């Protein structure tokens, strides 16, 4: 069993599955968080206002999400899950793994571009996250990796260590490009160039694996 699997198993024991009613309440909270962030960014997401918009007591909100950072990182997780589902229905059409990953990440980027305040709020939450938010941050990281691996379209489904290393570098670059764009230090065109450049690592590692 891998370390990730052991960690996930430990969390599963500590946190039993939500009931249907609890899951519906959680979804309302995440929707309210995304709506408030879309309107005014990180500062607009106030826990009391989230609770009111979701129709839950403030104490209930804190039982689900101990802080605003926990809430916004979970909101990013939710957004990535929706993106992953959409990409599986409409996968990238590039001829090589690098082209498909670049297309996938640019589609993700454009989705965030349509909601810049929400994107900024989620990225700031990831930046502010401390160890108490590690499980949620790890989930965001695993989702991002799954999206990239799906786009690569590995025939045997098992990436080599070199390919996994390339994926991590690609993810770091994508995250950095998102931050520089949000801060106004990079254009969309520059982001696209950087993403396409770093994705070439994926084809290099694929060639080495053959």
N, C-alpha and C. Protein backbone atom coordinates (compact mmCIF):
# COMPACT_ATOMS: atom_id res chain seq x y z
N UNK A 1 0.85 -1.20 0.00
CA UNK A 1 0.00 0.00 0.00
C UNK A 1 0.88 1.24 0.00
N UNK A 2 0.55 2.23 -0.82
CA UNK A 2 1.34 3.45 -0.90
C UNK A 2 1.05 4.35 0.29
N UNK A 3 1.93 5.35 0.47
CA UNK A 3 1.72 6.31 1.57
C UNK A 3 0.43 7.07 1.39
N UNK A 4 0.13 7.44 0.10
CA UNK A 4 -1.11 8.16 -0.18
C UNK A 4 -2.32 7.31 0.19
N UNK A 5 -2.25 6.01 -0.13
CA UNK A 5 -3.37 5.12 0.16
C UNK A 5 -3.57 4.98 1.66
N UNK A 6 -2.44 4.87 2.40
CA UNK A 6 -2.55 4.75 3.85
C UNK A 6 -3.17 6.00 4.45
N UNK A 7 -2.73 7.17 3.96
CA UNK A 7 -3.29 8.43 4.46
C UNK A 7 -4.76 8.53 4.16
N UNK A 8 -5.13 8.18 2.93
CA UNK A 8 -6.55 8.23 2.54
C UNK A 8 -7.36 7.28 3.39
N UNK A 9 -6.78 6.09 3.67
CA UNK A 9 -7.49 5.12 4.49
C UNK A 9 -7.70 5.62 5.89
N UNK A 10 -6.68 6.28 6.44
CA UNK A 10 -6.80 6.82 7.79
C UNK A 10 -7.88 7.87 7.86
N UNK A 11 -7.95 8.73 6.83
CA UNK A 11 -8.98 9.77 6.83
C UNK A 11 -10.35 9.15 6.69
N UNK A 12 -10.44 8.06 5.93
CA UNK A 12 -11.75 7.42 5.73
C UNK A 12 -12.29 6.88 7.05
N UNK A 13 -11.37 6.34 7.90
CA UNK A 13 -11.80 5.81 9.19
C UNK A 13 -12.24 6.96 10.09
N UNK A 14 -11.49 8.06 10.06
CA UNK A 14 -11.79 9.19 10.95
C UNK A 14 -13.04 9.93 10.52
N UNK A 15 -13.33 9.94 9.21
CA UNK A 15 -14.46 10.71 8.70
C UNK A 15 -15.41 9.80 7.92
N UNK A 16 -16.48 9.33 8.57
CA UNK A 16 -17.42 8.46 7.87
C UNK A 16 -18.09 9.21 6.72
N UNK A 17 -18.57 8.48 5.73
CA UNK A 17 -19.22 9.12 4.57
C UNK A 17 -20.39 10.00 5.01
N UNK A 18 -20.60 11.08 4.29
CA UNK A 18 -21.71 11.97 4.60
C UNK A 18 -23.02 11.33 4.18
N UNK A 19 -24.05 11.61 4.94
CA UNK A 19 -25.38 11.18 4.53
C UNK A 19 -25.83 12.02 3.34
N UNK A 20 -26.91 11.61 2.71
CA UNK A 20 -27.42 12.36 1.56
C UNK A 20 -27.76 13.80 1.96
N UNK A 21 -28.34 13.96 3.13
CA UNK A 21 -28.70 15.30 3.60
C UNK A 21 -27.45 16.13 3.89
N UNK A 22 -26.44 15.51 4.50
CA UNK A 22 -25.20 16.22 4.79
C UNK A 22 -24.48 16.62 3.50
N UNK A 23 -24.48 15.72 2.53
CA UNK A 23 -23.83 16.03 1.25
C UNK A 23 -24.53 17.19 0.55
N UNK A 24 -25.87 17.21 0.61
CA UNK A 24 -26.62 18.31 0.00
C UNK A 24 -26.28 19.63 0.70
N UNK A 25 -26.14 19.59 2.02
CA UNK A 25 -25.79 20.79 2.78
C UNK A 25 -24.38 21.25 2.40
N UNK A 26 -23.46 20.30 2.27
CA UNK A 26 -22.09 20.64 1.88
C UNK A 26 -22.06 21.28 0.49
N UNK A 27 -22.85 20.77 -0.41
CA UNK A 27 -22.88 21.31 -1.76
C UNK A 27 -23.44 22.74 -1.76
N UNK A 28 -24.43 23.00 -0.92
CA UNK A 28 -24.95 24.36 -0.81
C UNK A 28 -23.88 25.32 -0.30
N UNK A 29 -23.11 24.84 0.66
CA UNK A 29 -22.03 25.67 1.22
C UNK A 29 -20.99 25.99 0.15
N UNK A 30 -20.58 24.98 -0.60
CA UNK A 30 -19.57 25.19 -1.64
C UNK A 30 -20.10 26.10 -2.74
N UNK A 31 -21.37 25.96 -3.07
CA UNK A 31 -21.97 26.84 -4.08
C UNK A 31 -21.98 28.29 -3.59
N UNK A 32 -22.35 28.48 -2.33
CA UNK A 32 -22.38 29.83 -1.77
C UNK A 32 -20.97 30.43 -1.74
N UNK A 33 -19.99 29.62 -1.38
CA UNK A 33 -18.60 30.07 -1.36
C UNK A 33 -18.15 30.53 -2.74
N UNK A 34 -18.45 29.73 -3.75
CA UNK A 34 -18.04 30.06 -5.12
C UNK A 34 -18.75 31.32 -5.61
N UNK A 35 -20.02 31.47 -5.26
CA UNK A 35 -20.77 32.64 -5.69
C UNK A 35 -20.21 33.92 -5.07
N UNK A 36 -19.94 33.88 -3.78
CA UNK A 36 -19.39 35.06 -3.11
C UNK A 36 -17.99 35.39 -3.64
N UNK A 37 -17.17 34.36 -3.83
CA UNK A 37 -15.82 34.59 -4.34
C UNK A 37 -15.86 35.15 -5.76
N UNK A 38 -16.80 34.68 -6.56
CA UNK A 38 -16.92 35.17 -7.94
C UNK A 38 -17.24 36.65 -7.99
N UNK A 39 -17.97 37.12 -6.98
CA UNK A 39 -18.37 38.53 -6.97
C UNK A 39 -17.28 39.44 -6.42
N UNK A 40 -16.54 38.96 -5.41
CA UNK A 40 -15.60 39.88 -4.78
C UNK A 40 -14.27 39.32 -4.35
N UNK A 41 -13.97 38.09 -4.77
CA UNK A 41 -12.68 37.51 -4.45
C UNK A 41 -12.56 37.02 -3.02
N UNK A 42 -11.33 36.86 -2.57
CA UNK A 42 -11.04 36.26 -1.26
C UNK A 42 -11.72 37.00 -0.12
N UNK A 43 -11.64 38.32 -0.12
CA UNK A 43 -12.17 39.12 0.99
C UNK A 43 -13.69 39.06 1.07
N UNK A 44 -14.34 38.75 -0.05
CA UNK A 44 -15.81 38.70 -0.06
C UNK A 44 -16.36 37.44 0.59
N UNK A 45 -15.50 36.45 0.77
CA UNK A 45 -15.95 35.19 1.37
C UNK A 45 -15.84 35.30 2.88
N UNK A 46 -16.92 35.73 3.51
CA UNK A 46 -17.02 35.82 4.96
C UNK A 46 -17.88 34.67 5.46
N UNK A 47 -17.42 33.99 6.48
CA UNK A 47 -18.09 32.76 6.93
C UNK A 47 -19.56 33.00 7.28
N UNK A 48 -19.87 34.11 7.93
CA UNK A 48 -21.26 34.38 8.29
C UNK A 48 -22.12 34.53 7.04
N UNK A 49 -21.59 35.23 6.03
CA UNK A 49 -22.35 35.42 4.79
C UNK A 49 -22.50 34.11 4.03
N UNK A 50 -21.47 33.27 4.07
CA UNK A 50 -21.57 31.96 3.43
C UNK A 50 -22.68 31.14 4.10
N UNK A 51 -22.70 31.16 5.43
CA UNK A 51 -23.71 30.41 6.16
C UNK A 51 -25.12 30.90 5.82
N UNK A 52 -25.29 32.22 5.76
CA UNK A 52 -26.60 32.77 5.42
C UNK A 52 -27.02 32.39 4.00
N UNK A 53 -26.07 32.49 3.05
CA UNK A 53 -26.39 32.18 1.65
C UNK A 53 -26.70 30.69 1.47
N UNK A 54 -26.04 29.84 2.27
CA UNK A 54 -26.26 28.40 2.16
C UNK A 54 -27.44 27.91 3.00
N UNK A 55 -27.97 28.79 3.85
CA UNK A 55 -29.10 28.41 4.68
C UNK A 55 -28.72 27.45 5.80
N UNK A 56 -27.52 27.64 6.37
CA UNK A 56 -27.09 26.79 7.48
C UNK A 56 -26.66 27.68 8.65
N UNK A 57 -26.64 27.12 9.84
CA UNK A 57 -26.17 27.85 11.01
C UNK A 57 -24.65 28.03 10.91
N UNK A 58 -24.16 29.11 11.49
CA UNK A 58 -22.73 29.39 11.43
C UNK A 58 -21.93 28.26 12.07
N UNK A 59 -22.43 27.73 13.18
CA UNK A 59 -21.75 26.62 13.84
C UNK A 59 -21.68 25.39 12.94
N UNK A 60 -22.75 25.16 12.18
CA UNK A 60 -22.76 24.03 11.25
C UNK A 60 -21.71 24.21 10.17
N UNK A 61 -21.60 25.43 9.65
CA UNK A 61 -20.59 25.72 8.63
C UNK A 61 -19.20 25.40 9.15
N UNK A 62 -18.91 25.81 10.39
CA UNK A 62 -17.58 25.58 10.95
C UNK A 62 -17.32 24.09 11.20
N UNK A 63 -18.37 23.30 11.40
CA UNK A 63 -18.16 21.85 11.55
C UNK A 63 -17.73 21.24 10.22
N UNK A 64 -18.22 21.78 9.13
CA UNK A 64 -17.83 21.29 7.81
C UNK A 64 -16.46 21.84 7.40
N UNK A 65 -16.26 23.13 7.64
CA UNK A 65 -15.04 23.81 7.22
C UNK A 65 -14.55 24.70 8.36
N UNK A 66 -13.45 24.34 9.02
CA UNK A 66 -12.99 25.07 10.20
C UNK A 66 -12.55 26.51 9.94
N UNK A 67 -12.26 26.86 8.69
CA UNK A 67 -11.82 28.22 8.38
C UNK A 67 -12.16 28.56 6.94
N UNK A 68 -12.01 29.82 6.61
CA UNK A 68 -12.24 30.27 5.24
C UNK A 68 -11.26 29.61 4.28
N UNK A 69 -10.03 29.41 4.72
CA UNK A 69 -9.03 28.76 3.86
C UNK A 69 -9.45 27.33 3.56
N UNK A 70 -9.89 26.59 4.59
CA UNK A 70 -10.41 25.23 4.36
C UNK A 70 -11.55 25.26 3.33
N UNK A 71 -12.44 26.21 3.49
CA UNK A 71 -13.60 26.31 2.61
C UNK A 71 -13.19 26.59 1.17
N UNK A 72 -12.29 27.53 0.96
CA UNK A 72 -11.92 27.90 -0.40
C UNK A 72 -11.05 26.84 -1.07
N UNK A 73 -10.23 26.12 -0.30
CA UNK A 73 -9.48 25.01 -0.89
C UNK A 73 -10.45 23.90 -1.30
N UNK A 74 -11.47 23.65 -0.47
CA UNK A 74 -12.50 22.67 -0.83
C UNK A 74 -13.29 23.14 -2.05
N UNK A 75 -13.48 24.45 -2.17
CA UNK A 75 -14.15 25.00 -3.35
C UNK A 75 -13.32 24.73 -4.61
N UNK A 76 -12.01 24.87 -4.50
CA UNK A 76 -11.14 24.56 -5.64
C UNK A 76 -11.21 23.08 -5.98
N UNK A 77 -11.24 22.24 -4.97
CA UNK A 77 -11.39 20.80 -5.20
C UNK A 77 -12.68 20.53 -5.96
N UNK A 78 -13.75 21.17 -5.57
CA UNK A 78 -15.04 20.99 -6.23
C UNK A 78 -14.99 21.46 -7.68
N UNK A 79 -14.35 22.59 -7.92
CA UNK A 79 -14.22 23.11 -9.28
C UNK A 79 -13.41 22.16 -10.16
N UNK A 80 -12.34 21.59 -9.60
CA UNK A 80 -11.51 20.65 -10.35
C UNK A 80 -12.26 19.36 -10.67
N UNK A 81 -13.10 18.92 -9.74
CA UNK A 81 -13.90 17.72 -10.01
C UNK A 81 -14.86 17.94 -11.16
N UNK A 82 -15.48 19.12 -11.21
CA UNK A 82 -16.36 19.44 -12.34
C UNK A 82 -15.56 19.49 -13.64
N UNK A 83 -14.37 20.10 -13.60
CA UNK A 83 -13.52 20.19 -14.78
C UNK A 83 -13.11 18.80 -15.25
N UNK A 84 -12.74 17.94 -14.31
CA UNK A 84 -12.32 16.58 -14.66
C UNK A 84 -13.45 15.83 -15.36
N UNK A 85 -14.65 15.97 -14.84
CA UNK A 85 -15.80 15.30 -15.46
C UNK A 85 -16.04 15.82 -16.88
N UNK A 86 -15.92 17.14 -17.05
CA UNK A 86 -16.11 17.73 -18.38
C UNK A 86 -15.05 17.25 -19.36
N UNK A 87 -13.81 17.19 -18.89
CA UNK A 87 -12.71 16.75 -19.76
C UNK A 87 -12.86 15.28 -20.15
N UNK A 88 -13.41 14.48 -19.27
CA UNK A 88 -13.62 13.07 -19.62
C UNK A 88 -14.71 12.92 -20.68
N UNK A 89 -15.68 13.81 -20.63
CA UNK A 89 -16.74 13.78 -21.66
C UNK A 89 -16.23 14.34 -22.98
N UNK A 90 -15.34 15.32 -22.91
CA UNK A 90 -14.80 15.98 -24.11
C UNK A 90 -13.28 16.03 -23.99
N UNK A 91 -12.61 14.88 -24.20
CA UNK A 91 -11.15 14.83 -24.01
C UNK A 91 -10.41 15.65 -25.05
N UNK A 92 -9.18 16.04 -24.72
CA UNK A 92 -8.37 16.81 -25.68
C UNK A 92 -8.04 15.97 -26.90
N UNK A 93 -7.80 16.64 -28.02
CA UNK A 93 -7.63 15.92 -29.29
C UNK A 93 -6.23 16.02 -29.86
N UNK A 94 -5.25 16.45 -29.07
CA UNK A 94 -3.88 16.60 -29.57
C UNK A 94 -3.28 15.29 -30.02
N UNK A 95 -2.29 15.37 -30.90
CA UNK A 95 -1.68 14.16 -31.47
C UNK A 95 -0.69 13.51 -30.51
N UNK A 96 -0.11 14.30 -29.60
CA UNK A 96 0.88 13.76 -28.66
C UNK A 96 0.43 14.02 -27.23
N UNK A 97 1.00 13.27 -26.26
CA UNK A 97 0.65 13.53 -24.86
C UNK A 97 0.89 14.98 -24.47
N UNK A 98 2.01 15.57 -24.94
CA UNK A 98 2.32 16.96 -24.59
C UNK A 98 1.25 17.90 -25.12
N UNK A 99 0.81 17.70 -26.35
CA UNK A 99 -0.23 18.56 -26.93
C UNK A 99 -1.54 18.42 -26.17
N UNK A 100 -1.86 17.18 -25.77
CA UNK A 100 -3.13 16.96 -25.05
C UNK A 100 -3.10 17.59 -23.66
N UNK A 101 -1.96 17.46 -22.98
CA UNK A 101 -1.85 18.06 -21.65
C UNK A 101 -1.89 19.59 -21.75
N UNK A 102 -1.18 20.15 -22.72
CA UNK A 102 -1.20 21.60 -22.90
C UNK A 102 -2.61 22.09 -23.19
N UNK A 103 -3.32 21.37 -24.05
CA UNK A 103 -4.70 21.76 -24.36
C UNK A 103 -5.58 21.68 -23.11
N UNK A 104 -5.41 20.63 -22.35
CA UNK A 104 -6.20 20.44 -21.12
C UNK A 104 -5.94 21.58 -20.12
N UNK A 105 -4.68 21.91 -19.90
CA UNK A 105 -4.35 22.95 -18.93
C UNK A 105 -4.81 24.32 -19.40
N UNK A 106 -4.77 24.56 -20.71
CA UNK A 106 -5.26 25.84 -21.21
C UNK A 106 -6.78 25.92 -21.11
N UNK A 107 -7.46 24.79 -21.28
CA UNK A 107 -8.92 24.78 -21.07
C UNK A 107 -9.24 25.07 -19.61
N UNK A 108 -8.46 24.50 -18.71
CA UNK A 108 -8.64 24.78 -17.28
C UNK A 108 -8.36 26.25 -17.00
N UNK A 109 -7.32 26.77 -17.63
CA UNK A 109 -6.96 28.16 -17.42
C UNK A 109 -8.07 29.09 -17.92
N UNK A 110 -8.62 28.78 -19.07
CA UNK A 110 -9.68 29.64 -19.61
C UNK A 110 -10.93 29.59 -18.75
N UNK A 111 -11.20 28.42 -18.14
CA UNK A 111 -12.34 28.32 -17.23
C UNK A 111 -12.12 29.25 -16.04
N UNK A 112 -10.91 29.29 -15.52
CA UNK A 112 -10.59 30.19 -14.41
C UNK A 112 -10.60 31.64 -14.87
N UNK A 113 -10.19 31.86 -16.12
CA UNK A 113 -10.16 33.21 -16.67
C UNK A 113 -11.55 33.83 -16.71
N UNK A 114 -12.56 32.98 -16.89
CA UNK A 114 -13.94 33.49 -16.93
C UNK A 114 -14.42 33.94 -15.55
N UNK A 115 -13.75 33.45 -14.50
CA UNK A 115 -14.11 33.81 -13.12
C UNK A 115 -12.84 34.26 -12.39
N UNK A 116 -12.27 35.40 -12.76
CA UNK A 116 -10.97 35.80 -12.18
C UNK A 116 -11.02 36.02 -10.68
N UNK A 117 -12.10 36.54 -10.14
CA UNK A 117 -12.19 36.75 -8.69
C UNK A 117 -12.20 35.42 -7.95
N UNK A 118 -12.94 34.46 -8.49
CA UNK A 118 -12.99 33.12 -7.89
C UNK A 118 -11.62 32.47 -7.97
N UNK A 119 -10.98 32.58 -9.14
CA UNK A 119 -9.64 32.00 -9.30
C UNK A 119 -8.67 32.59 -8.30
N UNK A 120 -8.70 33.90 -8.14
CA UNK A 120 -7.80 34.57 -7.22
C UNK A 120 -8.06 34.12 -5.78
N UNK A 121 -9.33 33.98 -5.41
CA UNK A 121 -9.67 33.56 -4.05
C UNK A 121 -9.14 32.15 -3.76
N UNK A 122 -9.32 31.24 -4.72
CA UNK A 122 -8.89 29.86 -4.51
C UNK A 122 -7.37 29.76 -4.46
N UNK A 123 -6.69 30.48 -5.34
CA UNK A 123 -5.22 30.43 -5.35
C UNK A 123 -4.66 31.06 -4.08
N UNK A 124 -5.26 32.14 -3.62
CA UNK A 124 -4.80 32.76 -2.36
C UNK A 124 -5.00 31.80 -1.19
N UNK A 125 -6.11 31.07 -1.19
CA UNK A 125 -6.35 30.11 -0.12
C UNK A 125 -5.27 29.02 -0.13
N UNK A 126 -4.91 28.53 -1.30
CA UNK A 126 -3.85 27.53 -1.39
C UNK A 126 -2.53 28.09 -0.87
N UNK A 127 -2.27 29.35 -1.18
CA UNK A 127 -1.04 30.00 -0.74
C UNK A 127 -1.01 30.16 0.78
N UNK A 128 -2.17 30.47 1.37
CA UNK A 128 -2.24 30.70 2.82
C UNK A 128 -2.36 29.40 3.61
N UNK A 129 -2.63 28.29 2.96
CA UNK A 129 -2.93 27.04 3.66
C UNK A 129 -1.75 26.58 4.52
N UNK A 130 -2.04 26.24 5.78
CA UNK A 130 -1.02 25.69 6.65
C UNK A 130 -1.22 24.17 6.78
N UNK A 131 -0.54 23.57 7.73
CA UNK A 131 -0.59 22.10 7.84
C UNK A 131 -2.00 21.58 8.15
N UNK A 132 -2.81 22.41 8.79
CA UNK A 132 -4.16 21.95 9.13
C UNK A 132 -5.01 21.72 7.89
N UNK A 133 -4.60 22.30 6.77
CA UNK A 133 -5.36 22.18 5.52
C UNK A 133 -4.70 21.16 4.58
N UNK A 134 -3.69 20.44 5.07
CA UNK A 134 -2.94 19.52 4.23
C UNK A 134 -3.80 18.48 3.52
N UNK A 135 -4.79 17.85 4.21
CA UNK A 135 -5.61 16.87 3.49
C UNK A 135 -6.34 17.46 2.28
N UNK A 136 -6.88 18.67 2.45
CA UNK A 136 -7.60 19.31 1.35
C UNK A 136 -6.64 19.71 0.22
N UNK A 137 -5.47 20.22 0.59
CA UNK A 137 -4.46 20.59 -0.42
C UNK A 137 -3.98 19.35 -1.15
N UNK A 138 -3.78 18.26 -0.43
CA UNK A 138 -3.35 17.01 -1.07
C UNK A 138 -4.40 16.52 -2.07
N UNK A 139 -5.67 16.69 -1.73
CA UNK A 139 -6.73 16.28 -2.64
C UNK A 139 -6.71 17.11 -3.92
N UNK A 140 -6.50 18.41 -3.77
CA UNK A 140 -6.38 19.29 -4.95
C UNK A 140 -5.21 18.84 -5.82
N UNK A 141 -4.09 18.52 -5.19
CA UNK A 141 -2.91 18.07 -5.94
C UNK A 141 -3.18 16.76 -6.67
N UNK A 142 -3.84 15.82 -5.99
CA UNK A 142 -4.13 14.52 -6.62
C UNK A 142 -5.09 14.68 -7.79
N UNK A 143 -6.07 15.58 -7.65
CA UNK A 143 -7.01 15.82 -8.73
C UNK A 143 -6.31 16.42 -9.95
N UNK A 144 -5.41 17.37 -9.69
CA UNK A 144 -4.66 17.98 -10.78
C UNK A 144 -3.82 16.95 -11.50
N UNK A 145 -3.16 16.08 -10.72
CA UNK A 145 -2.35 15.02 -11.32
C UNK A 145 -3.22 14.07 -12.14
N UNK A 146 -4.38 13.71 -11.62
CA UNK A 146 -5.28 12.81 -12.35
C UNK A 146 -5.72 13.42 -13.67
N UNK A 147 -5.99 14.72 -13.67
CA UNK A 147 -6.40 15.41 -14.90
C UNK A 147 -5.28 15.36 -15.93
N UNK A 148 -4.04 15.60 -15.49
CA UNK A 148 -2.90 15.58 -16.41
C UNK A 148 -2.65 14.16 -16.92
N UNK A 149 -2.70 13.16 -16.04
CA UNK A 149 -2.47 11.78 -16.46
C UNK A 149 -3.54 11.31 -17.44
N UNK A 150 -4.78 11.69 -17.21
CA UNK A 150 -5.85 11.35 -18.15
C UNK A 150 -5.56 11.94 -19.52
N UNK A 151 -5.10 13.18 -19.55
CA UNK A 151 -4.80 13.85 -20.81
C UNK A 151 -3.64 13.16 -21.53
N UNK A 152 -2.68 12.66 -20.77
CA UNK A 152 -1.54 11.96 -21.39
C UNK A 152 -1.99 10.71 -22.12
N UNK A 153 -3.02 10.04 -21.61
CA UNK A 153 -3.55 8.85 -22.28
C UNK A 153 -2.57 7.70 -22.30
N UNK A 154 -2.01 7.36 -21.15
CA UNK A 154 -1.04 6.27 -21.09
C UNK A 154 -1.70 4.94 -21.43
N UNK A 155 -1.08 4.18 -22.31
CA UNK A 155 -1.67 2.92 -22.76
C UNK A 155 -1.80 1.91 -21.63
N UNK A 156 -0.77 1.81 -20.78
CA UNK A 156 -0.83 0.83 -19.69
C UNK A 156 -1.34 1.43 -18.39
N UNK A 157 -1.55 2.76 -18.40
CA UNK A 157 -2.10 3.42 -17.22
C UNK A 157 -1.12 3.60 -16.09
N UNK A 158 0.16 3.25 -16.31
CA UNK A 158 1.15 3.33 -15.23
C UNK A 158 2.29 4.26 -15.66
N UNK A 159 2.31 5.48 -15.17
CA UNK A 159 3.40 6.39 -15.52
C UNK A 159 4.72 5.95 -14.89
N UNK A 160 5.80 6.19 -15.58
CA UNK A 160 7.13 5.90 -15.03
C UNK A 160 7.50 6.98 -14.03
N UNK A 161 8.52 6.71 -13.18
CA UNK A 161 8.97 7.77 -12.26
C UNK A 161 9.35 9.05 -12.99
N UNK A 162 9.98 8.93 -14.16
CA UNK A 162 10.36 10.12 -14.93
C UNK A 162 9.13 10.88 -15.40
N UNK A 163 8.10 10.14 -15.82
CA UNK A 163 6.87 10.80 -16.27
C UNK A 163 6.17 11.50 -15.11
N UNK A 164 6.16 10.87 -13.94
CA UNK A 164 5.56 11.51 -12.77
C UNK A 164 6.33 12.77 -12.38
N UNK A 165 7.64 12.72 -12.51
CA UNK A 165 8.45 13.90 -12.23
C UNK A 165 8.11 15.02 -13.20
N UNK A 166 7.96 14.67 -14.48
CA UNK A 166 7.60 15.66 -15.50
C UNK A 166 6.23 16.26 -15.19
N UNK A 167 5.30 15.42 -14.74
CA UNK A 167 3.96 15.89 -14.41
C UNK A 167 4.03 16.90 -13.26
N UNK A 168 4.85 16.62 -12.27
CA UNK A 168 4.99 17.56 -11.15
C UNK A 168 5.54 18.90 -11.62
N UNK A 169 6.52 18.87 -12.50
CA UNK A 169 7.09 20.12 -13.02
C UNK A 169 6.03 20.88 -13.81
N UNK A 170 5.24 20.16 -14.60
CA UNK A 170 4.17 20.79 -15.38
C UNK A 170 3.16 21.45 -14.43
N UNK A 171 2.78 20.75 -13.38
CA UNK A 171 1.81 21.29 -12.43
C UNK A 171 2.35 22.54 -11.73
N UNK A 172 3.62 22.49 -11.33
CA UNK A 172 4.23 23.66 -10.68
C UNK A 172 4.24 24.86 -11.63
N UNK A 173 4.55 24.60 -12.90
CA UNK A 173 4.59 25.68 -13.88
C UNK A 173 3.20 26.26 -14.10
N UNK A 174 2.21 25.39 -14.19
CA UNK A 174 0.83 25.85 -14.40
C UNK A 174 0.37 26.71 -13.23
N UNK A 175 0.67 26.26 -12.02
CA UNK A 175 0.29 27.01 -10.84
C UNK A 175 1.00 28.37 -10.80
N UNK A 176 2.30 28.36 -11.12
CA UNK A 176 3.05 29.61 -11.14
C UNK A 176 2.53 30.56 -12.22
N UNK A 177 2.19 30.00 -13.39
CA UNK A 177 1.66 30.83 -14.48
C UNK A 177 0.33 31.44 -14.09
N UNK A 178 -0.48 30.69 -13.35
CA UNK A 178 -1.76 31.21 -12.89
C UNK A 178 -1.55 32.37 -11.93
N UNK A 179 -0.59 32.24 -11.03
CA UNK A 179 -0.31 33.32 -10.07
C UNK A 179 0.18 34.57 -10.78
N UNK A 180 1.11 34.40 -11.72
CA UNK A 180 1.65 35.57 -12.42
C UNK A 180 0.59 36.25 -13.27
N UNK A 181 -0.33 35.45 -13.85
CA UNK A 181 -1.42 36.06 -14.62
C UNK A 181 -2.37 36.83 -13.70
N UNK A 182 -2.73 36.23 -12.57
CA UNK A 182 -3.64 36.88 -11.64
C UNK A 182 -3.05 38.18 -11.09
N UNK A 183 -1.74 38.23 -10.96
CA UNK A 183 -1.09 39.43 -10.44
C UNK A 183 -0.80 40.45 -11.53
N UNK A 184 -1.18 40.13 -12.78
CA UNK A 184 -0.99 41.06 -13.88
C UNK A 184 0.42 41.08 -14.44
N UNK A 185 1.23 40.08 -14.09
CA UNK A 185 2.62 40.05 -14.54
C UNK A 185 2.84 39.16 -15.76
N UNK A 186 1.78 38.53 -16.26
CA UNK A 186 1.90 37.69 -17.45
C UNK A 186 0.61 37.78 -18.26
N UNK A 187 0.74 37.78 -19.56
CA UNK A 187 -0.42 37.81 -20.45
C UNK A 187 -0.90 36.39 -20.71
N UNK A 188 -2.10 36.28 -21.27
CA UNK A 188 -2.62 34.96 -21.64
C UNK A 188 -1.69 34.31 -22.66
N UNK A 189 -1.20 35.09 -23.59
CA UNK A 189 -0.30 34.56 -24.62
C UNK A 189 0.97 33.99 -24.00
N UNK A 190 1.51 34.69 -23.00
CA UNK A 190 2.73 34.21 -22.34
C UNK A 190 2.45 32.93 -21.56
N UNK A 191 1.32 32.87 -20.90
CA UNK A 191 0.95 31.66 -20.18
C UNK A 191 0.89 30.48 -21.14
N UNK A 192 0.28 30.67 -22.29
CA UNK A 192 0.16 29.58 -23.28
C UNK A 192 1.54 29.11 -23.75
N UNK A 193 2.44 30.05 -24.00
CA UNK A 193 3.79 29.70 -24.43
C UNK A 193 4.50 28.88 -23.35
N UNK A 194 4.40 29.34 -22.10
CA UNK A 194 5.07 28.64 -21.00
C UNK A 194 4.50 27.23 -20.80
N UNK A 195 3.19 27.10 -20.88
CA UNK A 195 2.55 25.79 -20.70
C UNK A 195 2.97 24.84 -21.81
N UNK A 196 2.93 25.31 -23.04
CA UNK A 196 3.31 24.45 -24.16
C UNK A 196 4.78 24.04 -24.07
N UNK A 197 5.62 24.96 -23.62
CA UNK A 197 7.05 24.66 -23.49
C UNK A 197 7.30 23.59 -22.44
N UNK A 198 6.71 23.75 -21.25
CA UNK A 198 6.98 22.79 -20.19
C UNK A 198 6.36 21.43 -20.48
N UNK A 199 5.26 21.41 -21.23
CA UNK A 199 4.62 20.13 -21.55
C UNK A 199 5.48 19.27 -22.47
N UNK A 200 6.46 19.86 -23.12
CA UNK A 200 7.36 19.08 -23.96
C UNK A 200 8.14 18.06 -23.14
N UNK A 201 8.29 18.33 -21.85
CA UNK A 201 8.95 17.36 -20.98
C UNK A 201 8.23 16.03 -20.98
N UNK A 202 6.92 16.07 -21.13
CA UNK A 202 6.13 14.85 -21.11
C UNK A 202 6.47 13.96 -22.29
N UNK A 203 6.61 14.56 -23.48
CA UNK A 203 6.98 13.75 -24.65
C UNK A 203 8.41 13.23 -24.53
N UNK A 204 9.29 14.02 -23.92
CA UNK A 204 10.67 13.55 -23.74
C UNK A 204 10.72 12.34 -22.84
N UNK A 205 9.98 12.37 -21.73
CA UNK A 205 9.99 11.22 -20.82
C UNK A 205 9.28 10.02 -21.44
N UNK A 206 8.27 10.28 -22.28
CA UNK A 206 7.59 9.17 -22.97
C UNK A 206 8.54 8.48 -23.94
N UNK A 207 9.37 9.28 -24.62
CA UNK A 207 10.34 8.72 -25.56
C UNK A 207 11.38 7.87 -24.83
N UNK A 208 11.79 8.34 -23.64
CA UNK A 208 12.78 7.61 -22.86
C UNK A 208 12.23 6.28 -22.35
N UNK A 209 10.90 6.24 -22.13
CA UNK A 209 10.28 5.04 -21.59
C UNK A 209 10.14 3.95 -22.64
N UNK A 210 10.22 4.31 -23.91
CA UNK A 210 10.03 3.33 -24.99
C UNK A 210 11.28 2.48 -25.20
